[in-house]
Amino acid sequence: MNTGIFKAIALCIAIALAGCGDVEGLGFLQPPEDGAPVSVKPFTQVEMVQGGVTLVPPAGFCVDPVSVTQTFALLARCDVLGGRNGALDAPLGIMTVSFAKAPNRDALSSATLASSQTSGTVVKQETLAGRTMVQLRGTAPAERFSDVHWRTVDQINGFDVSVALYAPKGSPALSTRGPAIMARVLDGSQSASVAKDVAVRTLRPPTKPKKLF
């Protein structure tokens, strides 16, 4: 499937996933004519939930800047979004990443775990880097897309993070590459968020000592 066809099909999916009634709210799904300048460049990382988490896509993927809210973002291949970084070897696919404040910083909420398996019938599960990756079968989100997709959940900096990966039929993203791609989203975002926290603490001015005399 070439990127032009993928962009057209992705329009239907993104509107449904983002709950968007206005197609103009999803910039990468309305790319300019070939050769025309891109008015809004895709992000290679973005601050979510008031800076609580730094979302970092895996290599070859970017964030659609117009889709971003504080708790939701759409990721796709950089060339599909009009980025100059190229797709590298990333397969065609769309990822959604959602955030919710965790009621318990030491464990994923039951609601987050439940939501990861409510969109279809479980086909199989894999464990990668301590995370459960679930493949579900349901209704295909659009023509030429598969009726199976991957989901996983994790916790970063006190926020429950849900990742879903949708792809066209036959895409390598639907095989064992799917869990690895989602794991890289979570690992990269975890590392960037921790690094930011360390930098903020390091730059914070020390408390003035109390005068003894």
N, C-alpha and C. Protein backbone atom coordinates (compact mmCIF):
# COMPACT_ATOMS: atom_id res chain seq x y z
N MET A 1 0.85 -1.20 0.00
CA MET A 1 0.00 0.00 0.00
C MET A 1 0.88 1.24 0.00
N ASN A 2 0.71 2.11 -1.03
CA ASN A 2 1.53 3.31 -1.06
C ASN A 2 1.02 4.35 -0.07
N THR A 3 1.86 5.37 0.18
CA THR A 3 1.51 6.34 1.23
C THR A 3 0.31 7.19 0.85
N GLY A 4 0.09 7.42 -0.45
CA GLY A 4 -1.06 8.21 -0.86
C GLY A 4 -2.37 7.53 -0.50
N ILE A 5 -2.47 6.23 -0.80
CA ILE A 5 -3.67 5.47 -0.45
C ILE A 5 -3.82 5.41 1.06
N PHE A 6 -2.68 5.22 1.74
CA PHE A 6 -2.73 5.12 3.20
C PHE A 6 -3.27 6.40 3.83
N LYS A 7 -2.87 7.56 3.31
CA LYS A 7 -3.35 8.83 3.86
C LYS A 7 -4.86 8.93 3.75
N ALA A 8 -5.40 8.51 2.62
CA ALA A 8 -6.85 8.60 2.43
C ALA A 8 -7.60 7.68 3.37
N ILE A 9 -7.09 6.45 3.53
CA ILE A 9 -7.74 5.49 4.42
C ILE A 9 -7.59 5.93 5.87
N ALA A 10 -6.45 6.50 6.20
CA ALA A 10 -6.19 6.91 7.58
C ALA A 10 -7.15 7.99 8.05
N LEU A 11 -7.68 8.77 7.12
CA LEU A 11 -8.64 9.82 7.47
C LEU A 11 -9.82 9.26 8.23
N CYS A 12 -10.42 8.18 7.71
CA CYS A 12 -11.58 7.59 8.37
C CYS A 12 -11.22 7.07 9.75
N ILE A 13 -10.07 6.44 9.85
CA ILE A 13 -9.65 5.84 11.12
C ILE A 13 -9.41 6.92 12.16
N ALA A 14 -8.66 7.94 11.80
CA ALA A 14 -8.29 8.96 12.78
C ALA A 14 -9.50 9.72 13.29
N ILE A 15 -10.48 9.98 12.43
CA ILE A 15 -11.69 10.66 12.88
C ILE A 15 -12.40 9.82 13.92
N ALA A 16 -12.48 8.51 13.67
CA ALA A 16 -13.16 7.62 14.62
C ALA A 16 -12.39 7.51 15.92
N LEU A 17 -11.06 7.38 15.83
CA LEU A 17 -10.25 7.18 17.04
C LEU A 17 -10.16 8.44 17.87
N ALA A 18 -10.08 9.58 17.21
CA ALA A 18 -9.92 10.83 17.94
C ALA A 18 -11.25 11.44 18.33
N GLY A 19 -12.37 10.86 17.85
CA GLY A 19 -13.67 11.43 18.14
C GLY A 19 -13.82 12.79 17.52
N CYS A 20 -13.27 12.95 16.33
CA CYS A 20 -13.21 14.27 15.71
C CYS A 20 -14.26 14.38 14.62
N GLY A 21 -15.05 15.43 14.65
CA GLY A 21 -16.06 15.62 13.62
C GLY A 21 -15.62 16.58 12.55
N ASP A 22 -14.44 17.14 12.69
CA ASP A 22 -13.94 18.12 11.73
C ASP A 22 -12.62 17.63 11.19
N VAL A 23 -12.59 17.25 9.91
CA VAL A 23 -11.36 16.69 9.35
C VAL A 23 -10.21 17.68 9.36
N GLU A 24 -10.49 18.95 9.47
CA GLU A 24 -9.40 19.92 9.49
C GLU A 24 -8.62 19.86 10.78
N GLY A 25 -9.13 19.14 11.77
CA GLY A 25 -8.41 19.03 13.03
C GLY A 25 -7.30 18.00 13.00
N LEU A 26 -7.12 17.30 11.87
CA LEU A 26 -6.09 16.28 11.78
C LEU A 26 -5.19 16.62 10.60
N GLY A 27 -4.12 17.36 10.89
CA GLY A 27 -3.31 17.93 9.83
C GLY A 27 -2.69 16.94 8.88
N PHE A 28 -2.15 15.83 9.36
CA PHE A 28 -1.41 14.94 8.46
C PHE A 28 -2.32 14.21 7.49
N LEU A 29 -3.62 14.20 7.76
CA LEU A 29 -4.54 13.50 6.89
C LEU A 29 -4.98 14.35 5.71
N GLN A 30 -4.53 15.60 5.69
CA GLN A 30 -4.80 16.47 4.55
C GLN A 30 -3.48 17.03 4.05
N PRO A 31 -2.63 16.19 3.50
CA PRO A 31 -1.29 16.64 3.09
C PRO A 31 -1.37 17.60 1.92
N PRO A 32 -0.39 18.49 1.78
CA PRO A 32 -0.37 19.40 0.65
C PRO A 32 -0.07 18.65 -0.64
N GLU A 33 -0.26 19.31 -1.77
CA GLU A 33 0.08 18.69 -3.05
C GLU A 33 1.58 18.39 -3.07
N ASP A 34 1.95 17.38 -3.85
CA ASP A 34 3.36 17.02 -3.96
C ASP A 34 4.20 18.24 -4.32
N GLY A 35 5.27 18.44 -3.55
CA GLY A 35 6.15 19.56 -3.81
C GLY A 35 5.78 20.82 -3.05
N ALA A 36 4.57 20.88 -2.50
CA ALA A 36 4.15 22.06 -1.74
C ALA A 36 4.77 22.04 -0.35
N PRO A 37 5.06 23.18 0.24
CA PRO A 37 5.64 23.21 1.58
C PRO A 37 4.66 22.72 2.63
N VAL A 38 5.19 22.07 3.65
CA VAL A 38 4.36 21.59 4.75
C VAL A 38 4.24 22.71 5.78
N SER A 39 3.02 23.11 6.09
CA SER A 39 2.82 24.27 6.97
C SER A 39 3.09 23.93 8.42
N VAL A 40 2.77 22.71 8.84
CA VAL A 40 3.00 22.30 10.22
C VAL A 40 3.84 21.03 10.20
N LYS A 41 5.04 21.11 10.72
CA LYS A 41 5.93 19.95 10.70
C LYS A 41 5.54 18.97 11.81
N PRO A 42 5.66 17.68 11.54
CA PRO A 42 5.36 16.70 12.58
C PRO A 42 6.40 16.75 13.70
N PHE A 43 5.99 16.35 14.88
CA PHE A 43 6.87 16.37 16.04
C PHE A 43 7.66 15.06 16.14
N THR A 44 8.91 15.17 16.57
CA THR A 44 9.69 13.98 16.91
C THR A 44 9.61 13.69 18.40
N GLN A 45 9.05 14.61 19.16
CA GLN A 45 8.69 14.38 20.55
C GLN A 45 7.78 15.53 21.00
N VAL A 46 7.00 15.30 22.04
CA VAL A 46 6.06 16.31 22.49
C VAL A 46 5.78 16.12 23.98
N GLU A 47 5.57 17.24 24.68
CA GLU A 47 5.25 17.19 26.10
C GLU A 47 3.75 16.95 26.28
N MET A 48 3.40 15.94 27.06
CA MET A 48 2.00 15.60 27.31
C MET A 48 1.66 15.88 28.77
N VAL A 49 0.38 15.88 29.08
CA VAL A 49 -0.16 16.06 30.44
C VAL A 49 0.62 17.12 31.22
N GLN A 50 0.58 18.35 30.68
CA GLN A 50 1.23 19.49 31.31
C GLN A 50 2.71 19.24 31.60
N GLY A 51 3.37 18.53 30.71
CA GLY A 51 4.80 18.28 30.88
C GLY A 51 5.12 17.09 31.76
N GLY A 52 4.12 16.36 32.18
CA GLY A 52 4.36 15.21 33.06
C GLY A 52 5.05 14.06 32.35
N VAL A 53 4.81 13.94 31.04
CA VAL A 53 5.42 12.86 30.25
C VAL A 53 5.90 13.44 28.93
N THR A 54 7.10 13.06 28.52
CA THR A 54 7.62 13.42 27.21
C THR A 54 7.37 12.24 26.28
N LEU A 55 6.50 12.42 25.30
CA LEU A 55 6.16 11.35 24.36
C LEU A 55 7.19 11.34 23.23
N VAL A 56 7.84 10.19 23.04
CA VAL A 56 8.87 10.03 22.02
C VAL A 56 8.50 8.87 21.10
N PRO A 57 8.19 9.15 19.83
CA PRO A 57 7.88 8.07 18.89
C PRO A 57 9.12 7.23 18.59
N PRO A 58 8.93 5.99 18.14
CA PRO A 58 10.08 5.18 17.73
C PRO A 58 10.63 5.66 16.40
N ALA A 59 11.79 5.17 16.01
CA ALA A 59 12.43 5.58 14.76
C ALA A 59 11.49 5.36 13.57
N GLY A 60 11.39 6.38 12.74
CA GLY A 60 10.55 6.29 11.56
C GLY A 60 9.14 6.81 11.76
N PHE A 61 8.74 7.03 13.02
CA PHE A 61 7.41 7.54 13.34
C PHE A 61 7.52 8.97 13.87
N CYS A 62 6.45 9.74 13.66
CA CYS A 62 6.36 11.10 14.19
C CYS A 62 4.96 11.32 14.77
N VAL A 63 4.81 12.42 15.48
CA VAL A 63 3.53 12.80 16.08
C VAL A 63 2.86 13.84 15.21
N ASP A 64 1.57 13.64 14.88
CA ASP A 64 0.83 14.67 14.17
C ASP A 64 0.58 15.83 15.12
N PRO A 65 1.14 17.01 14.85
CA PRO A 65 1.04 18.11 15.81
C PRO A 65 -0.37 18.62 16.03
N VAL A 66 -1.24 18.52 15.02
CA VAL A 66 -2.60 19.05 15.16
C VAL A 66 -3.48 18.10 15.96
N SER A 67 -3.09 16.85 16.05
CA SER A 67 -3.91 15.87 16.78
C SER A 67 -3.71 15.93 18.28
N VAL A 68 -2.64 16.59 18.71
CA VAL A 68 -2.21 16.50 20.11
C VAL A 68 -3.12 17.28 21.05
N THR A 69 -3.58 16.62 22.10
CA THR A 69 -4.18 17.29 23.26
C THR A 69 -3.29 16.97 24.45
N GLN A 70 -3.68 17.36 25.63
CA GLN A 70 -2.87 17.03 26.80
C GLN A 70 -2.86 15.52 27.09
N THR A 71 -3.88 14.81 26.62
CA THR A 71 -4.00 13.40 26.99
C THR A 71 -4.08 12.46 25.79
N PHE A 72 -3.90 12.95 24.57
CA PHE A 72 -4.05 12.10 23.40
C PHE A 72 -3.14 12.57 22.28
N ALA A 73 -2.59 11.59 21.53
CA ALA A 73 -1.78 11.92 20.36
C ALA A 73 -1.86 10.79 19.34
N LEU A 74 -1.78 11.17 18.06
CA LEU A 74 -1.73 10.21 16.95
C LEU A 74 -0.31 10.16 16.40
N LEU A 75 0.19 8.96 16.18
CA LEU A 75 1.51 8.76 15.61
C LEU A 75 1.37 8.01 14.29
N ALA A 76 2.20 8.38 13.31
CA ALA A 76 2.23 7.68 12.04
C ALA A 76 3.64 7.80 11.47
N ARG A 77 3.89 7.10 10.37
CA ARG A 77 5.19 7.19 9.75
C ARG A 77 5.48 8.63 9.36
N CYS A 78 6.73 9.03 9.53
CA CYS A 78 7.10 10.43 9.29
C CYS A 78 6.83 10.88 7.86
N ASP A 79 7.03 9.97 6.88
CA ASP A 79 6.80 10.39 5.50
C ASP A 79 5.32 10.60 5.23
N VAL A 80 4.46 9.85 5.92
CA VAL A 80 3.01 10.03 5.79
C VAL A 80 2.60 11.38 6.35
N LEU A 81 3.30 11.83 7.39
CA LEU A 81 2.99 13.11 8.02
C LEU A 81 3.65 14.28 7.32
N GLY A 82 4.43 14.00 6.28
CA GLY A 82 5.10 15.08 5.57
C GLY A 82 6.42 15.48 6.17
N GLY A 83 6.95 14.65 7.07
CA GLY A 83 8.23 14.96 7.69
C GLY A 83 9.40 14.66 6.79
N ARG A 84 10.54 15.26 7.09
CA ARG A 84 11.72 15.10 6.26
C ARG A 84 12.63 13.98 6.78
N ASN A 85 12.33 13.45 7.96
CA ASN A 85 13.21 12.45 8.54
C ASN A 85 13.12 11.11 7.82
N GLY A 86 12.06 10.89 7.04
CA GLY A 86 11.92 9.64 6.32
C GLY A 86 11.32 8.56 7.19
N ALA A 87 10.92 7.47 6.55
CA ALA A 87 10.25 6.39 7.26
C ALA A 87 11.22 5.38 7.83
N LEU A 88 12.50 5.46 7.38
CA LEU A 88 13.48 4.43 7.75
C LEU A 88 12.89 3.08 7.37
N ASP A 89 12.85 2.11 8.28
CA ASP A 89 12.25 0.82 7.94
C ASP A 89 10.91 0.63 8.66
N ALA A 90 10.32 1.73 9.12
CA ALA A 90 9.06 1.63 9.87
C ALA A 90 7.93 1.16 8.95
N PRO A 91 7.10 0.23 9.42
CA PRO A 91 5.96 -0.23 8.61
C PRO A 91 4.82 0.78 8.65
N LEU A 92 3.94 0.72 7.66
CA LEU A 92 2.76 1.58 7.67
C LEU A 92 1.88 1.21 8.86
N GLY A 93 1.38 2.21 9.55
CA GLY A 93 0.52 1.98 10.69
C GLY A 93 0.21 3.27 11.40
N ILE A 94 -0.81 3.25 12.23
CA ILE A 94 -1.20 4.40 13.05
C ILE A 94 -1.20 3.95 14.50
N MET A 95 -0.60 4.74 15.36
CA MET A 95 -0.65 4.48 16.80
C MET A 95 -1.41 5.59 17.50
N THR A 96 -2.20 5.23 18.48
CA THR A 96 -2.82 6.21 19.36
C THR A 96 -2.20 6.02 20.74
N VAL A 97 -1.92 7.14 21.39
CA VAL A 97 -1.36 7.10 22.75
C VAL A 97 -2.23 7.97 23.63
N SER A 98 -2.77 7.38 24.70
CA SER A 98 -3.67 8.08 25.61
C SER A 98 -3.10 8.07 27.01
N PHE A 99 -3.36 9.14 27.76
CA PHE A 99 -2.82 9.30 29.11
C PHE A 99 -3.95 9.56 30.10
N ALA A 100 -3.80 9.02 31.31
CA ALA A 100 -4.74 9.28 32.40
C ALA A 100 -3.96 9.28 33.71
N LYS A 101 -4.33 10.19 34.61
CA LYS A 101 -3.66 10.24 35.90
C LYS A 101 -3.86 8.93 36.64
N ALA A 102 -2.78 8.35 37.12
CA ALA A 102 -2.86 7.05 37.79
C ALA A 102 -3.30 7.24 39.24
N PRO A 103 -4.35 6.54 39.68
CA PRO A 103 -4.75 6.63 41.08
C PRO A 103 -3.73 5.98 42.01
N ASN A 104 -2.95 5.07 41.47
CA ASN A 104 -1.91 4.40 42.25
C ASN A 104 -0.62 4.43 41.46
N ARG A 105 0.38 5.11 41.96
CA ARG A 105 1.64 5.27 41.22
C ARG A 105 2.40 3.97 41.10
N ASP A 106 2.06 2.97 41.90
CA ASP A 106 2.80 1.71 41.88
C ASP A 106 2.13 0.64 41.04
N ALA A 107 0.94 0.90 40.50
CA ALA A 107 0.24 -0.12 39.73
C ALA A 107 -0.71 0.53 38.74
N LEU A 108 -0.90 -0.13 37.60
CA LEU A 108 -1.86 0.36 36.62
C LEU A 108 -3.26 0.25 37.18
N SER A 109 -4.11 1.22 36.85
CA SER A 109 -5.48 1.18 37.33
C SER A 109 -6.25 0.07 36.63
N SER A 110 -7.24 -0.47 37.32
CA SER A 110 -8.07 -1.54 36.75
C SER A 110 -8.80 -1.04 35.51
N ALA A 111 -9.18 0.24 35.50
CA ALA A 111 -9.89 0.80 34.35
C ALA A 111 -8.99 0.81 33.11
N THR A 112 -7.72 1.17 33.30
CA THR A 112 -6.79 1.19 32.18
C THR A 112 -6.55 -0.21 31.64
N LEU A 113 -6.38 -1.16 32.55
CA LEU A 113 -6.16 -2.54 32.12
C LEU A 113 -7.38 -3.09 31.40
N ALA A 114 -8.56 -2.78 31.91
CA ALA A 114 -9.79 -3.28 31.29
C ALA A 114 -10.00 -2.68 29.92
N SER A 115 -9.70 -1.39 29.77
CA SER A 115 -9.93 -0.72 28.50
C SER A 115 -9.05 -1.27 27.39
N SER A 116 -7.93 -1.91 27.76
CA SER A 116 -7.02 -2.44 26.75
C SER A 116 -7.58 -3.68 26.07
N GLN A 117 -8.66 -4.27 26.62
CA GLN A 117 -9.18 -5.50 26.06
C GLN A 117 -10.66 -5.43 25.72
N THR A 118 -11.22 -4.23 25.68
CA THR A 118 -12.66 -4.10 25.43
C THR A 118 -13.01 -3.85 23.98
N SER A 119 -12.00 -3.69 23.12
CA SER A 119 -12.27 -3.34 21.74
C SER A 119 -12.24 -4.54 20.79
N GLY A 120 -12.33 -5.75 21.34
CA GLY A 120 -12.34 -6.93 20.48
C GLY A 120 -12.08 -8.20 21.25
N THR A 121 -11.96 -9.29 20.52
CA THR A 121 -11.68 -10.59 21.10
C THR A 121 -10.17 -10.83 21.11
N VAL A 122 -9.64 -11.29 22.24
CA VAL A 122 -8.21 -11.52 22.36
C VAL A 122 -7.78 -12.66 21.43
N VAL A 123 -6.83 -12.35 20.56
CA VAL A 123 -6.27 -13.36 19.64
C VAL A 123 -5.06 -14.03 20.27
N LYS A 124 -4.18 -13.20 20.81
CA LYS A 124 -3.00 -13.73 21.49
C LYS A 124 -2.41 -12.66 22.39
N GLN A 125 -1.55 -13.11 23.29
CA GLN A 125 -0.84 -12.20 24.19
C GLN A 125 0.64 -12.52 24.15
N GLU A 126 1.45 -11.50 24.27
CA GLU A 126 2.89 -11.65 24.36
C GLU A 126 3.39 -10.78 25.50
N THR A 127 4.49 -11.19 26.08
CA THR A 127 5.12 -10.39 27.12
C THR A 127 6.46 -9.91 26.60
N LEU A 128 6.65 -8.61 26.65
CA LEU A 128 7.88 -8.01 26.16
C LEU A 128 8.33 -6.94 27.14
N ALA A 129 9.54 -7.10 27.65
CA ALA A 129 10.10 -6.15 28.62
C ALA A 129 9.17 -5.96 29.81
N GLY A 130 8.52 -7.05 30.24
CA GLY A 130 7.65 -7.00 31.41
C GLY A 130 6.27 -6.45 31.14
N ARG A 131 5.96 -6.13 29.90
CA ARG A 131 4.64 -5.59 29.55
C ARG A 131 3.84 -6.65 28.79
N THR A 132 2.54 -6.65 29.03
CA THR A 132 1.65 -7.55 28.30
C THR A 132 1.18 -6.85 27.03
N MET A 133 1.44 -7.48 25.90
CA MET A 133 1.01 -6.97 24.60
C MET A 133 -0.15 -7.85 24.13
N VAL A 134 -1.30 -7.24 23.87
CA VAL A 134 -2.50 -7.99 23.51
C VAL A 134 -2.87 -7.70 22.07
N GLN A 135 -3.10 -8.77 21.29
CA GLN A 135 -3.62 -8.61 19.95
C GLN A 135 -5.11 -8.94 19.96
N LEU A 136 -5.91 -8.00 19.46
CA LEU A 136 -7.36 -8.13 19.50
C LEU A 136 -7.94 -8.17 18.09
N ARG A 137 -9.03 -8.91 17.94
CA ARG A 137 -9.75 -8.95 16.68
C ARG A 137 -11.13 -8.32 16.86
N GLY A 138 -11.46 -7.38 16.01
CA GLY A 138 -12.75 -6.71 16.07
C GLY A 138 -13.16 -6.28 14.68
N THR A 139 -13.81 -5.13 14.61
CA THR A 139 -14.20 -4.59 13.31
C THR A 139 -13.06 -3.78 12.73
N ALA A 140 -12.74 -4.03 11.47
CA ALA A 140 -11.67 -3.27 10.82
C ALA A 140 -12.03 -1.78 10.84
N PRO A 141 -11.11 -0.90 11.23
CA PRO A 141 -11.43 0.53 11.33
C PRO A 141 -11.67 1.20 9.99
N ALA A 142 -11.18 0.59 8.90
CA ALA A 142 -11.38 1.17 7.57
C ALA A 142 -11.04 0.13 6.52
N GLU A 143 -11.48 0.39 5.29
CA GLU A 143 -11.17 -0.52 4.19
C GLU A 143 -9.66 -0.66 4.03
N ARG A 144 -9.23 -1.88 3.75
CA ARG A 144 -7.83 -2.26 3.56
C ARG A 144 -7.06 -2.36 4.86
N PHE A 145 -7.67 -1.97 5.97
CA PHE A 145 -7.02 -2.17 7.26
C PHE A 145 -7.42 -3.52 7.83
N SER A 146 -6.54 -4.08 8.64
CA SER A 146 -6.82 -5.38 9.25
C SER A 146 -7.86 -5.23 10.35
N ASP A 147 -8.55 -6.34 10.64
CA ASP A 147 -9.50 -6.33 11.74
C ASP A 147 -8.83 -6.72 13.06
N VAL A 148 -7.51 -6.87 13.04
CA VAL A 148 -6.77 -7.10 14.28
C VAL A 148 -5.86 -5.91 14.56
N HIS A 149 -5.61 -5.65 15.80
CA HIS A 149 -4.68 -4.59 16.19
C HIS A 149 -4.02 -4.96 17.50
N TRP A 150 -2.97 -4.25 17.84
CA TRP A 150 -2.23 -4.48 19.09
C TRP A 150 -2.56 -3.41 20.11
N ARG A 151 -2.54 -3.79 21.38
CA ARG A 151 -2.70 -2.84 22.49
C ARG A 151 -1.78 -3.21 23.64
N THR A 152 -1.37 -2.20 24.39
CA THR A 152 -0.64 -2.43 25.63
C THR A 152 -0.84 -1.23 26.55
N VAL A 153 -0.50 -1.40 27.80
CA VAL A 153 -0.61 -0.31 28.78
C VAL A 153 0.64 -0.33 29.66
N ASP A 154 0.96 0.83 30.21
CA ASP A 154 2.09 0.95 31.13
C ASP A 154 1.88 2.19 31.97
N GLN A 155 2.83 2.47 32.83
CA GLN A 155 2.74 3.67 33.67
C GLN A 155 4.05 4.44 33.57
N ILE A 156 3.94 5.75 33.34
CA ILE A 156 5.10 6.62 33.25
C ILE A 156 4.86 7.86 34.10
N ASN A 157 5.75 8.11 35.05
CA ASN A 157 5.69 9.33 35.86
C ASN A 157 4.33 9.56 36.51
N GLY A 158 3.70 8.49 36.97
CA GLY A 158 2.42 8.65 37.64
C GLY A 158 1.22 8.75 36.71
N PHE A 159 1.40 8.43 35.43
CA PHE A 159 0.30 8.45 34.47
C PHE A 159 0.15 7.07 33.83
N ASP A 160 -1.09 6.60 33.73
CA ASP A 160 -1.37 5.40 32.96
C ASP A 160 -1.31 5.75 31.48
N VAL A 161 -0.59 4.93 30.72
CA VAL A 161 -0.39 5.19 29.29
C VAL A 161 -0.93 4.00 28.50
N SER A 162 -1.85 4.26 27.58
CA SER A 162 -2.42 3.22 26.72
C SER A 162 -1.96 3.45 25.29
N VAL A 163 -1.44 2.39 24.66
CA VAL A 163 -0.96 2.48 23.28
C VAL A 163 -1.71 1.45 22.43
N ALA A 164 -2.21 1.89 21.28
CA ALA A 164 -2.87 0.99 20.33
C ALA A 164 -2.21 1.17 18.97
N LEU A 165 -2.05 0.05 18.25
CA LEU A 165 -1.40 0.07 16.94
C LEU A 165 -2.31 -0.58 15.90
N TYR A 166 -2.69 0.20 14.89
CA TYR A 166 -3.54 -0.26 13.79
C TYR A 166 -2.72 -0.23 12.50
N ALA A 167 -2.98 -1.19 11.59
CA ALA A 167 -2.18 -1.25 10.37
C ALA A 167 -2.97 -1.89 9.23
N PRO A 168 -2.53 -1.64 8.00
CA PRO A 168 -3.19 -2.27 6.84
C PRO A 168 -2.97 -3.78 6.86
N LYS A 169 -3.79 -4.49 6.14
CA LYS A 169 -3.65 -5.94 6.03
C LYS A 169 -2.27 -6.27 5.47
N GLY A 170 -1.64 -7.26 6.08
CA GLY A 170 -0.33 -7.69 5.62
C GLY A 170 0.84 -6.88 6.12
N SER A 171 0.59 -5.82 6.87
CA SER A 171 1.68 -4.99 7.39
C SER A 171 2.49 -5.77 8.43
N PRO A 172 3.82 -5.62 8.41
CA PRO A 172 4.66 -6.24 9.44
C PRO A 172 4.31 -5.78 10.85
N ALA A 173 3.63 -4.62 10.94
CA ALA A 173 3.25 -4.11 12.26
C ALA A 173 2.26 -5.03 12.96
N LEU A 174 1.57 -5.87 12.20
CA LEU A 174 0.59 -6.77 12.79
C LEU A 174 1.22 -8.07 13.28
N SER A 175 2.50 -8.28 12.94
CA SER A 175 3.19 -9.49 13.38
C SER A 175 3.97 -9.18 14.65
N THR A 176 5.09 -9.84 14.82
CA THR A 176 5.89 -9.65 16.02
C THR A 176 6.52 -8.27 16.09
N ARG A 177 6.54 -7.51 14.99
CA ARG A 177 7.10 -6.16 15.04
C ARG A 177 6.20 -5.21 15.81
N GLY A 178 4.91 -5.52 15.87
CA GLY A 178 3.98 -4.65 16.58
C GLY A 178 4.34 -4.43 18.04
N PRO A 179 4.50 -5.49 18.82
CA PRO A 179 4.88 -5.31 20.21
C PRO A 179 6.19 -4.55 20.38
N ALA A 180 7.17 -4.81 19.50
CA ALA A 180 8.45 -4.13 19.61
C ALA A 180 8.31 -2.63 19.36
N ILE A 181 7.46 -2.26 18.39
CA ILE A 181 7.23 -0.85 18.08
C ILE A 181 6.58 -0.15 19.28
N MET A 182 5.56 -0.77 19.88
CA MET A 182 4.90 -0.16 21.04
C MET A 182 5.85 -0.08 22.22
N ALA A 183 6.70 -1.09 22.39
CA ALA A 183 7.66 -1.07 23.49
C ALA A 183 8.63 0.09 23.34
N ARG A 184 9.02 0.38 22.09
CA ARG A 184 9.95 1.50 21.87
C ARG A 184 9.30 2.84 22.18
N VAL A 185 8.01 2.96 21.93
CA VAL A 185 7.29 4.19 22.31
C VAL A 185 7.37 4.38 23.83
N LEU A 186 7.08 3.32 24.56
CA LEU A 186 7.05 3.42 26.02
C LEU A 186 8.46 3.58 26.60
N ASP A 187 9.42 2.82 26.08
CA ASP A 187 10.79 2.93 26.58
C ASP A 187 11.38 4.31 26.31
N GLY A 188 11.18 4.80 25.09
CA GLY A 188 11.72 6.11 24.75
C GLY A 188 11.07 7.23 25.55
N SER A 189 9.77 7.12 25.76
CA SER A 189 9.05 8.15 26.53
C SER A 189 9.45 8.09 28.01
N GLN A 190 9.64 6.87 28.52
CA GLN A 190 10.07 6.71 29.91
C GLN A 190 11.43 7.35 30.12
N SER A 191 12.37 7.04 29.24
CA SER A 191 13.73 7.57 29.37
C SER A 191 13.75 9.09 29.27
N ALA A 192 13.01 9.63 28.30
CA ALA A 192 13.00 11.09 28.12
C ALA A 192 12.35 11.79 29.30
N SER A 193 11.30 11.19 29.84
CA SER A 193 10.60 11.80 30.98
C SER A 193 11.46 11.80 32.23
N VAL A 194 12.18 10.69 32.45
CA VAL A 194 13.08 10.61 33.60
C VAL A 194 14.22 11.60 33.45
N ALA A 195 14.78 11.68 32.25
CA ALA A 195 15.89 12.61 32.01
C ALA A 195 15.45 14.05 32.25
N LYS A 196 14.24 14.39 31.84
CA LYS A 196 13.73 15.74 32.05
C LYS A 196 13.57 16.03 33.53
N ASP A 197 13.05 15.05 34.29
CA ASP A 197 12.88 15.24 35.73
C ASP A 197 14.22 15.48 36.41
N VAL A 198 15.23 14.72 36.02
CA VAL A 198 16.57 14.88 36.60
C VAL A 198 17.12 16.26 36.29
N ALA A 199 16.93 16.71 35.04
CA ALA A 199 17.42 18.03 34.65
C ALA A 199 16.74 19.13 35.42
N VAL A 200 15.43 19.02 35.63
CA VAL A 200 14.69 20.03 36.37
C VAL A 200 15.16 20.10 37.81
N ARG A 201 15.37 18.94 38.42
CA ARG A 201 15.84 18.92 39.81
C ARG A 201 17.25 19.49 39.92
N THR A 202 18.08 19.22 38.91
CA THR A 202 19.46 19.70 38.93
C THR A 202 19.52 21.22 38.78
N LEU A 203 18.63 21.77 37.95
CA LEU A 203 18.64 23.20 37.69
C LEU A 203 17.90 24.01 38.75
N ARG A 204 17.10 23.34 39.58
CA ARG A 204 16.33 24.05 40.59
C ARG A 204 17.28 24.69 41.59
N PRO A 205 17.16 25.97 41.86
CA PRO A 205 18.08 26.62 42.81
C PRO A 205 17.92 26.06 44.21
N PRO A 206 19.06 25.86 44.90
CA PRO A 206 18.99 25.30 46.25
C PRO A 206 18.32 26.25 47.23
N THR A 207 17.76 25.68 48.28
CA THR A 207 17.11 26.49 49.32
C THR A 207 18.21 27.23 50.11
N LYS A 208 17.96 28.51 50.36
CA LYS A 208 18.95 29.29 51.10
C LYS A 208 19.07 28.78 52.54
N PRO A 209 20.31 28.61 53.01
CA PRO A 209 20.47 28.14 54.39
C PRO A 209 20.01 29.19 55.38
N LYS A 210 19.52 28.73 56.51
CA LYS A 210 19.08 29.65 57.56
C LYS A 210 20.28 30.29 58.22
N LYS A 211 20.14 31.58 58.55
CA LYS A 211 21.21 32.28 59.24
C LYS A 211 21.25 31.85 60.70
N LEU A 212 22.45 31.56 61.15
CA LEU A 212 22.60 31.13 62.55
C LEU A 212 22.79 32.31 63.48
N PHE A 213 23.25 33.44 62.94
CA PHE A 213 23.49 34.60 63.80
C PHE A 213 22.85 35.82 63.20
